[in-house]
Amino acid sequence: MLRRRPPRSASADDLLTTLGRLTAQAREGAEKQRARVELAEALQREMLPAALPGVPGLRAAATYAPARHGLDIGGDWYDGFRLSDGSLAFCIGDVQGHDVEAAAFMGQIRFGLRAVAGHAADPGEVLSRANDLLVSVDCGLFATCTFVRFDPAAWELRSARAGHVPAVWATTDGRCGLADDPGGLPLGIVPGECYPVSRHRFATAGAFVLLTDGVVEGPSFPIEAGLTQVTRLVSANADGDPATVADVAISVAEFTGHTDDSAVLVLRFDAAPPGAG
């Protein structure tokens, strides 16, 4: 009966060779991931606006924070631009997924919304047209979004939501709450989706704050707690400048663990001028 010879133990040289090969593979993988993150960061920096528009009595500010470990970047965006009729458009959103693909898709949404908004006065129609455009691209990603349009003549904000986190509002007389308006599905899922429009009139000075879920939700931090914290902080700073309100609002992301990137867009408004509306 033949006995199978036991396998020869690997020599120290064999082990070192194997270890060197695995180390090289790990280094190559890490370098590729780092390059993708750096590319996503560059794309996002270029796509976020350098400045936000305003009119006498309404100022805007925004801030963005990446995930703590730098791996979840590219999904969140905000924008603001002036329209031909003198009104102002603002939007904020969050793309499903992260990295380079999400950053590129974010750019498509941002520019698509700008293009559509020039031909559609109604925020719900803007989201509906943008949704159909993204569905036709069929890239497999979707995004939540809130789109608002401020009319300085009526001193009124009209807004529409596509599966996005509700806005937070507060006035300088101590009132505050969530603008938990009805909405539709996120952009890019099904064609023909409708997005209801809500109206907000600013009779008293205060702040209207748009944010992404990375600010208010984490693995061990429920969104209800996050929204409560943001509402409290915004209310306490409703008479401050918009940059200050943005900073205190995004500070709530500390409670979430920064597992996701986050963005805040603040509209700081004065009381409606006489004759507005």
Protein backbone atom coordinates (compact mmCIF):
# COMPACT_ATOMS: atom_id res chain seq x y z
CA MET A 1 0.00 0.00 0.00
CA LEU A 2 1.45 3.32 -1.07
CA ARG A 3 1.47 6.16 1.38
CA ARG A 4 0.88 9.71 0.19
CA ARG A 5 3.83 11.86 1.05
CA PRO A 6 2.80 14.79 3.25
CA PRO A 7 2.96 18.15 1.50
CA ARG A 8 6.20 20.03 1.93
CA SER A 9 5.98 23.00 4.26
CA ALA A 10 6.29 26.30 2.54
CA SER A 11 9.69 27.86 2.94
CA ALA A 12 10.22 31.31 4.37
CA ASP A 13 11.02 32.55 0.86
CA ASP A 14 7.71 31.18 -0.44
CA LEU A 15 5.80 32.90 2.35
CA LEU A 16 7.56 36.19 1.77
CA THR A 17 6.85 35.98 -1.96
CA THR A 18 3.16 35.31 -1.34
CA LEU A 19 2.97 38.09 1.23
CA GLY A 20 4.64 40.51 -1.16
CA ARG A 21 2.19 39.62 -3.95
CA LEU A 22 -0.85 40.07 -1.69
CA THR A 23 0.51 43.36 -0.35
CA ALA A 24 1.01 44.65 -3.90
CA GLN A 25 -2.54 43.66 -4.82
CA ALA A 26 -3.94 45.38 -1.73
CA ARG A 27 -1.92 48.51 -2.44
CA GLU A 28 -3.14 48.57 -6.04
CA GLY A 29 -6.75 48.19 -4.89
CA ALA A 30 -6.36 50.96 -2.32
CA GLU A 31 -4.78 53.27 -4.89
CA LYS A 32 -7.62 52.64 -7.33
CA GLN A 33 -10.22 53.37 -4.63
CA ARG A 34 -8.37 56.54 -3.60
CA ALA A 35 -8.25 57.67 -7.23
CA ARG A 36 -11.99 57.11 -7.60
CA VAL A 37 -12.71 59.09 -4.42
CA GLU A 38 -10.44 61.94 -5.56
CA LEU A 39 -12.16 61.99 -8.94
CA ALA A 40 -15.60 62.06 -7.29
CA GLU A 41 -14.47 64.91 -5.03
CA ALA A 42 -13.18 66.88 -8.02
CA LEU A 43 -16.41 66.31 -9.94
CA GLN A 44 -18.47 67.45 -6.99
CA ARG A 45 -16.39 70.57 -6.37
CA GLU A 46 -16.82 71.59 -10.01
CA MET A 47 -20.55 70.90 -10.07
CA LEU A 48 -21.60 72.67 -6.87
CA PRO A 49 -22.26 76.38 -7.47
CA ALA A 50 -19.64 78.91 -6.43
CA ALA A 51 -22.35 81.35 -5.27
CA LEU A 52 -26.10 81.41 -4.69
CA PRO A 53 -28.48 84.14 -5.91
CA GLY A 54 -30.45 86.49 -3.70
CA VAL A 55 -32.75 89.51 -3.78
CA PRO A 56 -33.26 92.32 -1.27
CA GLY A 57 -34.85 90.65 1.75
CA LEU A 58 -33.79 87.10 0.88
CA ARG A 59 -30.28 85.69 1.22
CA ALA A 60 -29.11 82.14 0.65
CA ALA A 61 -26.19 80.08 1.94
CA ALA A 62 -25.24 76.42 1.72
CA THR A 63 -22.69 74.00 3.12
CA TYR A 64 -21.58 70.47 2.33
CA ALA A 65 -19.73 67.86 4.43
CA PRO A 66 -18.32 64.57 3.10
CA ALA A 67 -18.65 61.32 4.99
CA ARG A 68 -16.08 61.04 7.77
CA HIS A 69 -14.06 58.34 6.04
CA GLY A 70 -14.20 59.93 2.60
CA LEU A 71 -15.74 56.91 0.87
CA ASP A 72 -19.35 58.10 0.55
CA ILE A 73 -18.89 61.15 -1.63
CA GLY A 74 -20.59 62.36 -4.75
CA GLY A 75 -24.25 61.79 -3.94
CA ASP A 76 -25.47 65.07 -2.46
CA TRP A 77 -25.84 68.38 -4.26
CA TYR A 78 -27.48 71.78 -4.03
CA ASP A 79 -28.00 74.58 -6.53
CA GLY A 80 -29.50 78.02 -6.91
CA PHE A 81 -30.00 80.21 -9.96
CA ARG A 82 -31.92 83.21 -11.22
CA LEU A 83 -34.73 82.76 -13.77
CA SER A 84 -35.65 85.06 -16.62
CA ASP A 85 -38.83 86.33 -14.91
CA GLY A 86 -36.85 87.56 -11.88
CA SER A 87 -37.74 84.66 -9.60
CA LEU A 88 -35.12 82.48 -7.94
CA ALA A 89 -34.84 78.70 -8.13
CA PHE A 90 -33.18 76.50 -5.51
CA CYS A 91 -32.84 72.76 -5.23
CA ILE A 92 -31.15 70.12 -3.12
CA GLY A 93 -30.89 66.40 -3.65
CA ASP A 94 -29.27 63.07 -2.93
CA VAL A 95 -28.28 60.48 -5.53
CA GLN A 96 -28.59 56.80 -4.66
CA GLY A 97 -25.11 55.37 -4.26
CA HIS A 98 -21.84 57.25 -4.19
CA ASP A 99 -18.46 57.50 -5.90
CA VAL A 100 -17.79 58.60 -9.47
CA GLU A 101 -21.01 57.28 -11.01
CA ALA A 102 -23.15 59.14 -8.46
CA ALA A 103 -21.16 62.34 -8.96
CA ALA A 104 -21.65 62.14 -12.73
CA PHE A 105 -25.37 61.40 -12.33
CA MET A 106 -25.61 64.33 -9.93
CA GLY A 107 -24.26 66.57 -12.68
CA GLN A 108 -26.87 65.28 -15.13
CA ILE A 109 -29.67 66.05 -12.67
CA ARG A 110 -28.38 69.50 -11.78
CA PHE A 111 -28.04 70.64 -15.37
CA GLY A 112 -31.27 68.90 -16.37
CA LEU A 113 -33.19 70.81 -13.69
CA ARG A 114 -31.66 74.09 -14.81
CA ALA A 115 -32.62 73.42 -18.42
CA VAL A 116 -36.19 72.40 -17.57
CA ALA A 117 -36.74 75.26 -15.10
CA GLY A 118 -36.17 77.81 -17.85
CA HIS A 119 -39.31 76.54 -19.61
CA ALA A 120 -41.58 75.44 -16.74
CA ALA A 121 -42.74 77.87 -14.06
CA ASP A 122 -44.30 75.22 -11.84
CA PRO A 123 -41.87 73.31 -9.52
CA GLY A 124 -43.95 70.16 -9.88
CA GLU A 125 -43.68 70.33 -13.64
CA VAL A 126 -39.93 70.89 -13.36
CA LEU A 127 -39.53 67.69 -11.35
CA SER A 128 -41.89 65.75 -13.61
CA ARG A 129 -40.00 66.70 -16.77
CA ALA A 130 -36.63 66.06 -15.13
CA ASN A 131 -37.88 62.67 -13.95
CA ASP A 132 -38.94 61.62 -17.44
CA LEU A 133 -35.59 62.77 -18.79
CA LEU A 134 -33.67 60.70 -16.24
CA VAL A 135 -35.87 57.64 -16.80
CA SER A 136 -35.09 57.85 -20.52
CA VAL A 137 -31.35 57.79 -19.76
CA ASP A 138 -31.84 54.43 -17.96
CA CYS A 139 -28.59 54.50 -15.99
CA GLY A 140 -29.93 52.48 -13.07
CA LEU A 141 -29.62 55.27 -10.49
CA PHE A 142 -32.26 57.45 -8.88
CA ALA A 143 -32.27 60.59 -6.75
CA THR A 144 -34.39 62.34 -4.16
CA CYS A 145 -34.83 66.08 -4.64
CA THR A 146 -36.63 69.18 -3.43
CA PHE A 147 -37.09 72.01 -5.93
CA VAL A 148 -38.32 75.45 -4.84
CA ARG A 149 -39.09 78.67 -6.68
CA PHE A 150 -39.19 82.02 -4.88
CA ASP A 151 -41.32 84.81 -6.34
CA PRO A 152 -40.09 88.16 -4.93
CA ALA A 153 -43.20 89.99 -6.17
CA ALA A 154 -45.58 87.73 -4.24
CA TRP A 155 -42.97 87.00 -1.51
CA GLU A 156 -43.97 83.36 -1.87
CA LEU A 157 -42.08 80.10 -2.10
CA ARG A 158 -43.50 77.24 -4.15
CA SER A 159 -41.95 73.83 -3.60
CA ALA A 160 -42.18 70.24 -4.80
CA ARG A 161 -40.58 67.09 -3.38
CA ALA A 162 -39.38 63.90 -5.04
CA GLY A 163 -38.99 61.45 -2.16
CA HIS A 164 -36.81 63.91 -0.26
CA VAL A 165 -36.39 64.83 3.42
CA PRO A 166 -38.88 67.55 4.49
CA ALA A 167 -37.63 71.10 4.86
CA VAL A 168 -37.37 72.83 8.24
CA TRP A 169 -38.70 76.35 8.85
CA ALA A 170 -38.54 78.80 11.72
CA THR A 171 -39.57 82.43 12.22
CA THR A 172 -38.09 85.09 14.45
CA ASP A 173 -41.25 85.19 16.59
CA GLY A 174 -40.52 81.65 17.86
CA ARG A 175 -42.64 79.50 15.57
CA CYS A 176 -41.03 76.50 13.83
CA GLY A 177 -41.81 73.16 12.24
CA LEU A 178 -41.40 70.80 9.30
CA ALA A 179 -42.61 71.59 5.80
CA ASP A 180 -43.73 67.99 5.41
CA ASP A 181 -45.54 68.68 2.16
CA PRO A 182 -46.92 65.88 -0.05
CA GLY A 183 -44.53 64.64 -2.72
CA GLY A 184 -43.86 62.01 -5.35
CA LEU A 185 -41.38 59.21 -5.99
CA PRO A 186 -37.65 59.89 -6.33
CA LEU A 187 -36.44 60.99 -9.76
CA GLY A 188 -35.48 58.34 -12.28
CA ILE A 189 -37.73 55.46 -11.19
CA VAL A 190 -40.96 55.52 -13.21
CA PRO A 191 -42.08 57.81 -16.06
CA GLY A 192 -45.07 60.10 -15.77
CA GLU A 193 -44.78 60.72 -12.02
CA CYS A 194 -46.61 63.80 -10.67
CA TYR A 195 -45.26 66.09 -7.96
CA PRO A 196 -47.72 68.22 -5.93
CA VAL A 197 -46.79 71.86 -5.34
CA SER A 198 -46.99 73.51 -1.91
CA ARG A 199 -47.00 77.26 -1.22
CA HIS A 200 -45.26 79.04 1.64
CA ARG A 201 -45.68 82.76 2.32
CA PHE A 202 -43.24 84.58 4.57
CA ALA A 203 -45.31 87.05 6.55
CA THR A 204 -42.68 87.02 9.32
CA ALA A 205 -38.89 86.99 9.01
CA GLY A 206 -37.13 83.66 9.46
CA ALA A 207 -35.40 80.78 7.71
CA PHE A 208 -36.42 77.98 5.36
CA VAL A 209 -33.88 75.14 5.44
CA LEU A 210 -33.44 72.35 2.88
CA LEU A 211 -31.21 69.41 3.81
CA THR A 212 -30.23 65.87 2.84
CA ASP A 213 -30.73 62.77 4.96
CA GLY A 214 -27.03 62.55 5.84
CA VAL A 215 -27.62 65.50 8.18
CA VAL A 216 -30.39 63.85 10.18
CA GLU A 217 -30.11 60.07 9.89
CA GLY A 218 -27.49 57.47 10.77
CA PRO A 219 -27.24 53.77 11.69
CA SER A 220 -28.08 54.47 15.35
CA PHE A 221 -29.70 57.90 14.97
CA PRO A 222 -33.32 57.93 13.72
CA ILE A 223 -34.42 60.59 11.26
CA GLU A 224 -37.14 61.83 13.64
CA ALA A 225 -34.49 62.70 16.24
CA GLY A 226 -32.37 64.40 13.61
CA LEU A 227 -35.18 66.55 12.30
CA THR A 228 -36.11 67.53 15.85
CA GLN A 229 -32.53 68.61 16.52
CA VAL A 230 -32.28 70.62 13.31
CA THR A 231 -35.64 72.32 13.97
CA ARG A 232 -34.52 73.31 17.47
CA LEU A 233 -31.21 74.74 16.26
CA VAL A 234 -32.73 76.58 13.30
CA SER A 235 -35.37 78.09 15.57
CA ALA A 236 -32.70 79.28 18.02
CA ASN A 237 -30.79 80.95 15.18
CA ALA A 238 -33.65 82.11 12.96
CA ASP A 239 -32.55 85.73 13.23
CA GLY A 240 -28.94 84.95 12.25
CA ASP A 241 -27.30 85.19 8.84
CA PRO A 242 -27.87 82.25 6.47
CA ALA A 243 -24.30 80.94 6.73
CA THR A 244 -24.64 80.67 10.50
CA VAL A 245 -27.95 78.82 10.18
CA ALA A 246 -26.37 76.43 7.66
CA ASP A 247 -23.46 75.71 10.00
CA VAL A 248 -25.62 74.97 13.03
CA ALA A 249 -27.96 72.80 10.97
CA ILE A 250 -25.20 70.63 9.51
CA SER A 251 -23.65 70.21 12.97
CA VAL A 252 -26.41 67.66 13.66
CA ALA A 253 -24.54 65.30 11.31
CA GLU A 254 -22.14 64.73 14.24
CA PHE A 255 -24.88 62.63 15.86
CA THR A 256 -25.20 60.43 12.76
CA GLY A 257 -21.54 59.40 12.74
CA HIS A 258 -20.98 61.02 9.32
CA THR A 259 -21.62 57.70 7.58
CA ASP A 260 -23.05 59.59 4.61
CA ASP A 261 -22.26 62.90 2.98
CA SER A 262 -24.59 65.77 3.87
CA ALA A 263 -25.72 69.13 2.56
CA VAL A 264 -27.75 72.08 3.84
CA LEU A 265 -29.26 74.98 1.87
CA VAL A 266 -30.68 77.93 3.83
CA LEU A 267 -33.03 80.67 2.63
CA ARG A 268 -33.00 83.52 5.16
CA PHE A 269 -35.96 85.82 4.49
CA ASP A 270 -37.27 89.12 5.84
CA ALA A 271 -40.95 89.75 6.49
CA ALA A 272 -43.05 90.28 3.39
CA PRO A 273 -42.77 93.90 2.22
CA PRO A 274 -45.92 96.03 2.04
CA GLY A 275 -47.94 95.29 -1.07
CA ALA A 276 -46.40 91.84 -1.67
CA GLY A 277 -48.77 89.16 -2.86
